[in-house]
Amino acid sequence: MYWRALAPNDEGFYRVGLNLRMADPGVVADLPLDQFDGLDTWQRTVCPECVVADVF
């Protein structure tokens, strides 16, 4: 599953979101996470060193 913005941002890039839960954990384990609260505050989670392996 994924999400893609309908329009590009000011720099011409499209924002995307991916659901990696069905991916092979060994392949995605070292990918960095950019987490945020998408329900209430839309604030980013402060964890610049977090990777996918931290939440699987």
PDB file of N, CA and C in Angstrom:
ATOM      1  N   MET A   1       0.841  -1.177   0.000  1.00  0.00           N
ATOM      2  CA  MET A   1       0.000   0.000   0.000  1.00  0.00           C
ATOM      3  C   MET A   1       0.885   1.239   0.000  1.00  0.00           C
ATOM      4  N   TYR A   2       0.403   2.277  -0.649  1.00  0.00           N
ATOM      5  CA  TYR A   2       1.147   3.529  -0.660  1.00  0.00           C
ATOM      6  C   TYR A   2       0.189   4.696  -0.813  1.00  0.00           C
ATOM      7  N   TRP A   3       0.690   5.872  -0.562  1.00  0.00           N
ATOM      8  CA  TRP A   3      -0.048   7.114  -0.758  1.00  0.00           C
ATOM      9  C   TRP A   3       0.858   8.062  -1.517  1.00  0.00           C
ATOM     10  N   ARG A   4       0.288   8.820  -2.451  1.00  0.00           N
ATOM     11  CA  ARG A   4       1.049   9.818  -3.193  1.00  0.00           C
ATOM     12  C   ARG A   4       0.223  11.083  -3.265  1.00  0.00           C
ATOM     13  N   ALA A   5       0.867  12.217  -3.041  1.00  0.00           N
ATOM     14  CA  ALA A   5       0.184  13.504  -3.117  1.00  0.00           C
ATOM     15  C   ALA A   5      -0.363  13.721  -4.527  1.00  0.00           C
ATOM     16  N   LEU A   6      -1.445  14.464  -4.618  1.00  0.00           N
ATOM     17  CA  LEU A   6      -2.049  14.747  -5.918  1.00  0.00           C
ATOM     18  C   LEU A   6      -1.257  15.763  -6.724  1.00  0.00           C
ATOM     19  N   ALA A   7      -0.527  16.623  -6.022  1.00  0.00           N
ATOM     20  CA  ALA A   7       0.230  17.680  -6.700  1.00  0.00           C
ATOM     21  C   ALA A   7       1.631  17.760  -6.103  1.00  0.00           C
ATOM     22  N   PRO A   8       2.608  18.187  -6.879  1.00  0.00           N
ATOM     23  CA  PRO A   8       3.969  18.326  -6.349  1.00  0.00           C
ATOM     24  C   PRO A   8       4.074  19.495  -5.377  1.00  0.00           C
ATOM     25  N   ASN A   9       5.102  19.448  -4.518  1.00  0.00           N
ATOM     26  CA  ASN A   9       5.339  20.556  -3.593  1.00  0.00           C
ATOM     27  C   ASN A   9       6.027  21.701  -4.335  1.00  0.00           C
ATOM     28  N   ASP A  10       6.432  22.725  -3.611  1.00  0.00           N
ATOM     29  CA  ASP A  10       7.047  23.906  -4.225  1.00  0.00           C
ATOM     30  C   ASP A  10       8.353  23.590  -4.951  1.00  0.00           C
ATOM     31  N   GLU A  11       9.000  22.494  -4.570  1.00  0.00           N
ATOM     32  CA  GLU A  11      10.264  22.105  -5.204  1.00  0.00           C
ATOM     33  C   GLU A  11      10.050  21.133  -6.364  1.00  0.00           C
ATOM     34  N   GLY A  12       8.794  20.789  -6.651  1.00  0.00           N
ATOM     35  CA  GLY A  12       8.487  19.895  -7.759  1.00  0.00           C
ATOM     36  C   GLY A  12       8.454  18.419  -7.412  1.00  0.00           C
ATOM     37  N   PHE A  13       8.591  18.086  -6.114  1.00  0.00           N
ATOM     38  CA  PHE A  13       8.582  16.690  -5.684  1.00  0.00           C
ATOM     39  C   PHE A  13       7.199  16.299  -5.176  1.00  0.00           C
ATOM     40  N   TYR A  14       6.835  15.035  -5.385  1.00  0.00           N
ATOM     41  CA  TYR A  14       5.596  14.500  -4.838  1.00  0.00           C
ATOM     42  C   TYR A  14       5.894  13.831  -3.503  1.00  0.00           C
ATOM     43  N   ARG A  15       5.086  14.111  -2.488  1.00  0.00           N
ATOM     44  CA  ARG A  15       5.223  13.414  -1.211  1.00  0.00           C
ATOM     45  C   ARG A  15       4.583  12.045  -1.350  1.00  0.00           C
ATOM     46  N   VAL A  16       5.194  11.042  -0.712  1.00  0.00           N
ATOM     47  CA  VAL A  16       4.668   9.683  -0.759  1.00  0.00           C
ATOM     48  C   VAL A  16       4.740   9.056   0.626  1.00  0.00           C
ATOM     49  N   GLY A  17       3.916   8.072   0.845  1.00  0.00           N
ATOM     50  CA  GLY A  17       3.954   7.273   2.062  1.00  0.00           C
ATOM     51  C   GLY A  17       3.837   5.809   1.677  1.00  0.00           C
ATOM     52  N   LEU A  18       4.583   4.965   2.354  1.00  0.00           N
ATOM     53  CA  LEU A  18       4.597   3.536   2.032  1.00  0.00           C
ATOM     54  C   LEU A  18       4.252   2.704   3.255  1.00  0.00           C
ATOM     55  N   ASN A  19       3.498   1.646   3.046  1.00  0.00           N
ATOM     56  CA  ASN A  19       3.245   0.669   4.096  1.00  0.00           C
ATOM     57  C   ASN A  19       4.220  -0.480   3.865  1.00  0.00           C
ATOM     58  N   LEU A  20       5.217  -0.599   4.725  1.00  0.00           N
ATOM     59  CA  LEU A  20       6.262  -1.606   4.544  1.00  0.00           C
ATOM     60  C   LEU A  20       6.015  -2.884   5.332  1.00  0.00           C
ATOM     61  N   ARG A  21       4.848  -3.028   5.931  1.00  0.00           N
ATOM     62  CA  ARG A  21       4.597  -4.202   6.767  1.00  0.00           C
ATOM     63  C   ARG A  21       4.593  -5.514   5.985  1.00  0.00           C
ATOM     64  N   MET A  22       4.338  -5.469   4.688  1.00  0.00           N
ATOM     65  CA  MET A  22       4.330  -6.691   3.889  1.00  0.00           C
ATOM     66  C   MET A  22       5.670  -6.931   3.196  1.00  0.00           C
ATOM     67  N   ALA A  23       6.633  -6.035   3.390  1.00  0.00           N
ATOM     68  CA  ALA A  23       7.953  -6.181   2.765  1.00  0.00           C
ATOM     69  C   ALA A  23       8.818  -7.147   3.578  1.00  0.00           C
ATOM     70  N   ASP A  24       9.835  -7.683   2.955  1.00  0.00           N
ATOM     71  CA  ASP A  24      10.797  -8.551   3.632  1.00  0.00           C
ATOM     72  C   ASP A  24      11.536  -7.722   4.681  1.00  0.00           C
ATOM     73  N   PRO A  25      11.436  -8.059   5.977  1.00  0.00           N
ATOM     74  CA  PRO A  25      12.069  -7.267   7.030  1.00  0.00           C
ATOM     75  C   PRO A  25      13.568  -7.067   6.837  1.00  0.00           C
ATOM     76  N   GLY A  26      14.261  -8.040   6.294  1.00  0.00           N
ATOM     77  CA  GLY A  26      15.697  -7.901   6.079  1.00  0.00           C
ATOM     78  C   GLY A  26      16.046  -6.848   5.046  1.00  0.00           C
ATOM     79  N   VAL A  27      15.157  -6.635   4.098  1.00  0.00           N
ATOM     80  CA  VAL A  27      15.399  -5.665   3.031  1.00  0.00           C
ATOM     81  C   VAL A  27      15.157  -4.237   3.512  1.00  0.00           C
ATOM     82  N   VAL A  28      14.161  -4.042   4.379  1.00  0.00           N
ATOM     83  CA  VAL A  28      13.777  -2.686   4.788  1.00  0.00           C
ATOM     84  C   VAL A  28      14.258  -2.303   6.187  1.00  0.00           C
ATOM     85  N   ALA A  29      14.943  -3.200   6.894  1.00  0.00           N
ATOM     86  CA  ALA A  29      15.309  -2.984   8.297  1.00  0.00           C
ATOM     87  C   ALA A  29      16.107  -1.712   8.547  1.00  0.00           C
ATOM     88  N   ASP A  30      16.985  -1.331   7.635  1.00  0.00           N
ATOM     89  CA  ASP A  30      17.854  -0.175   7.866  1.00  0.00           C
ATOM     90  C   ASP A  30      17.337   1.122   7.261  1.00  0.00           C
ATOM     91  N   LEU A  31      16.121   1.122   6.724  1.00  0.00           N
ATOM     92  CA  LEU A  31      15.564   2.357   6.167  1.00  0.00           C
ATOM     93  C   LEU A  31      15.232   3.336   7.290  1.00  0.00           C
ATOM     94  N   PRO A  32      15.567   4.616   7.142  1.00  0.00           N
ATOM     95  CA  PRO A  32      15.234   5.598   8.175  1.00  0.00           C
ATOM     96  C   PRO A  32      13.735   5.880   8.198  1.00  0.00           C
ATOM     97  N   LEU A  33      13.226   6.200   9.385  1.00  0.00           N
ATOM     98  CA  LEU A  33      11.812   6.529   9.553  1.00  0.00           C
ATOM     99  C   LEU A  33      11.626   8.034   9.682  1.00  0.00           C
ATOM    100  N   ASP A  34      10.563   8.527   9.097  1.00  0.00           N
ATOM    101  CA  ASP A  34      10.138   9.915   9.276  1.00  0.00           C
ATOM    102  C   ASP A  34       8.709   9.837   9.787  1.00  0.00           C
ATOM    103  N   GLN A  35       8.567   9.686  11.107  1.00  0.00           N
ATOM    104  CA  GLN A  35       7.254   9.490  11.704  1.00  0.00           C
ATOM    105  C   GLN A  35       6.653  10.816  12.145  1.00  0.00           C
ATOM    106  N   PHE A  36       5.314  10.873  12.113  1.00  0.00           N
ATOM    107  CA  PHE A  36       4.617  12.055  12.597  1.00  0.00           C
ATOM    108  C   PHE A  36       3.239  11.648  13.102  1.00  0.00           C
ATOM    109  N   ASP A  37       2.656  12.525  13.920  1.00  0.00           N
ATOM    110  CA  ASP A  37       1.304  12.322  14.426  1.00  0.00           C
ATOM    111  C   ASP A  37       0.337  12.857  13.374  1.00  0.00           C
ATOM    112  N   GLY A  38      -0.249  11.978  12.595  1.00  0.00           N
ATOM    113  CA  GLY A  38      -1.146  12.395  11.527  1.00  0.00           C
ATOM    114  C   GLY A  38      -2.589  12.543  11.962  1.00  0.00           C
ATOM    115  N   LEU A  39      -2.867  12.388  13.250  1.00  0.00           N
ATOM    116  CA  LEU A  39      -4.239  12.492  13.726  1.00  0.00           C
ATOM    117  C   LEU A  39      -4.533  13.835  14.364  1.00  0.00           C
ATOM    118  N   ASP A  40      -3.688  14.248  15.305  1.00  0.00           N
ATOM    119  CA  ASP A  40      -3.994  15.453  16.078  1.00  0.00           C
ATOM    120  C   ASP A  40      -3.111  16.646  15.752  1.00  0.00           C
ATOM    121  N   THR A  41      -1.800  16.470  15.849  1.00  0.00           N
ATOM    122  CA  THR A  41      -0.911  17.638  15.806  1.00  0.00           C
ATOM    123  C   THR A  41      -0.125  17.783  14.512  1.00  0.00           C
ATOM    124  N   TRP A  42       0.042  16.712  13.755  1.00  0.00           N
ATOM    125  CA  TRP A  42       0.874  16.696  12.549  1.00  0.00           C
ATOM    126  C   TRP A  42       2.316  17.075  12.861  1.00  0.00           C
ATOM    127  N   GLN A  43       2.751  16.852  14.094  1.00  0.00           N
ATOM    128  CA  GLN A  43       4.133  17.110  14.500  1.00  0.00           C
ATOM    129  C   GLN A  43       4.976  15.869  14.250  1.00  0.00           C
ATOM    130  N   ARG A  44       6.223  16.077  13.838  1.00  0.00           N
ATOM    131  CA  ARG A  44       7.138  14.962  13.601  1.00  0.00           C
ATOM    132  C   ARG A  44       7.614  14.375  14.922  1.00  0.00           C
ATOM    133  N   THR A  45       7.803  13.059  14.933  1.00  0.00           N
ATOM    134  CA  THR A  45       8.381  12.370  16.074  1.00  0.00           C
ATOM    135  C   THR A  45       9.880  12.659  16.084  1.00  0.00           C
ATOM    136  N   VAL A  46      10.387  13.025  17.246  1.00  0.00           N
ATOM    137  CA  VAL A  46      11.809  13.366  17.343  1.00  0.00           C
ATOM    138  C   VAL A  46      12.608  12.088  17.581  1.00  0.00           C
ATOM    139  N   CYS A  47      13.093  11.503  16.518  1.00  0.00           N
ATOM    140  CA  CYS A  47      13.931  10.308  16.583  1.00  0.00           C
ATOM    141  C   CYS A  47      14.714  10.206  15.281  1.00  0.00           C
ATOM    142  N   PRO A  48      15.698  11.075  15.082  1.00  0.00           N
ATOM    143  CA  PRO A  48      16.411  11.104  13.802  1.00  0.00           C
ATOM    144  C   PRO A  48      17.198   9.835  13.492  1.00  0.00           C
ATOM    145  N   GLU A  49      17.504   9.038  14.515  1.00  0.00           N
ATOM    146  CA  GLU A  49      18.277   7.816  14.271  1.00  0.00           C
ATOM    147  C   GLU A  49      17.398   6.569  14.165  1.00  0.00           C
ATOM    148  N   CYS A  50      16.074   6.704  14.227  1.00  0.00           N
ATOM    149  CA  CYS A  50      15.175   5.549  14.162  1.00  0.00           C
ATOM    150  C   CYS A  50      15.130   4.952  12.759  1.00  0.00           C
ATOM    151  N   VAL A  51      15.091   3.622  12.721  1.00  0.00           N
ATOM    152  CA  VAL A  51      14.986   2.883  11.463  1.00  0.00           C
ATOM    153  C   VAL A  51      13.819   1.898  11.566  1.00  0.00           C
ATOM    154  N   VAL A  52      13.440   1.297  10.460  1.00  0.00           N
ATOM    155  CA  VAL A  52      12.313   0.369  10.417  1.00  0.00           C
ATOM    156  C   VAL A  52      12.480  -0.767  11.425  1.00  0.00           C
ATOM    157  N   ALA A  53      13.692  -1.273  11.595  1.00  0.00           N
ATOM    158  CA  ALA A  53      13.929  -2.382  12.529  1.00  0.00           C
ATOM    159  C   ALA A  53      13.540  -2.026  13.962  1.00  0.00           C
ATOM    160  N   ASP A  54      13.502  -0.745  14.312  1.00  0.00           N
ATOM    161  CA  ASP A  54      13.130  -0.332  15.664  1.00  0.00           C
ATOM    162  C   ASP A  54      11.652  -0.551  15.956  1.00  0.00           C
ATOM    163  N   VAL A  55      10.812  -0.651  14.934  1.00  0.00           N
ATOM    164  CA  VAL A  55       9.375  -0.783  15.154  1.00  0.00           C
ATOM    165  C   VAL A  55       8.820  -2.140  14.737  1.00  0.00           C
ATOM    166  N   PHE A  56       9.620  -2.997  14.102  1.00  0.00           N
ATOM    167  CA  PHE A  56       9.166  -4.341  13.730  1.00  0.00           C
ATOM    168  C   PHE A  56       9.470  -5.306  14.828  1.00  0.00           C
TER     169      PHE A  56
END
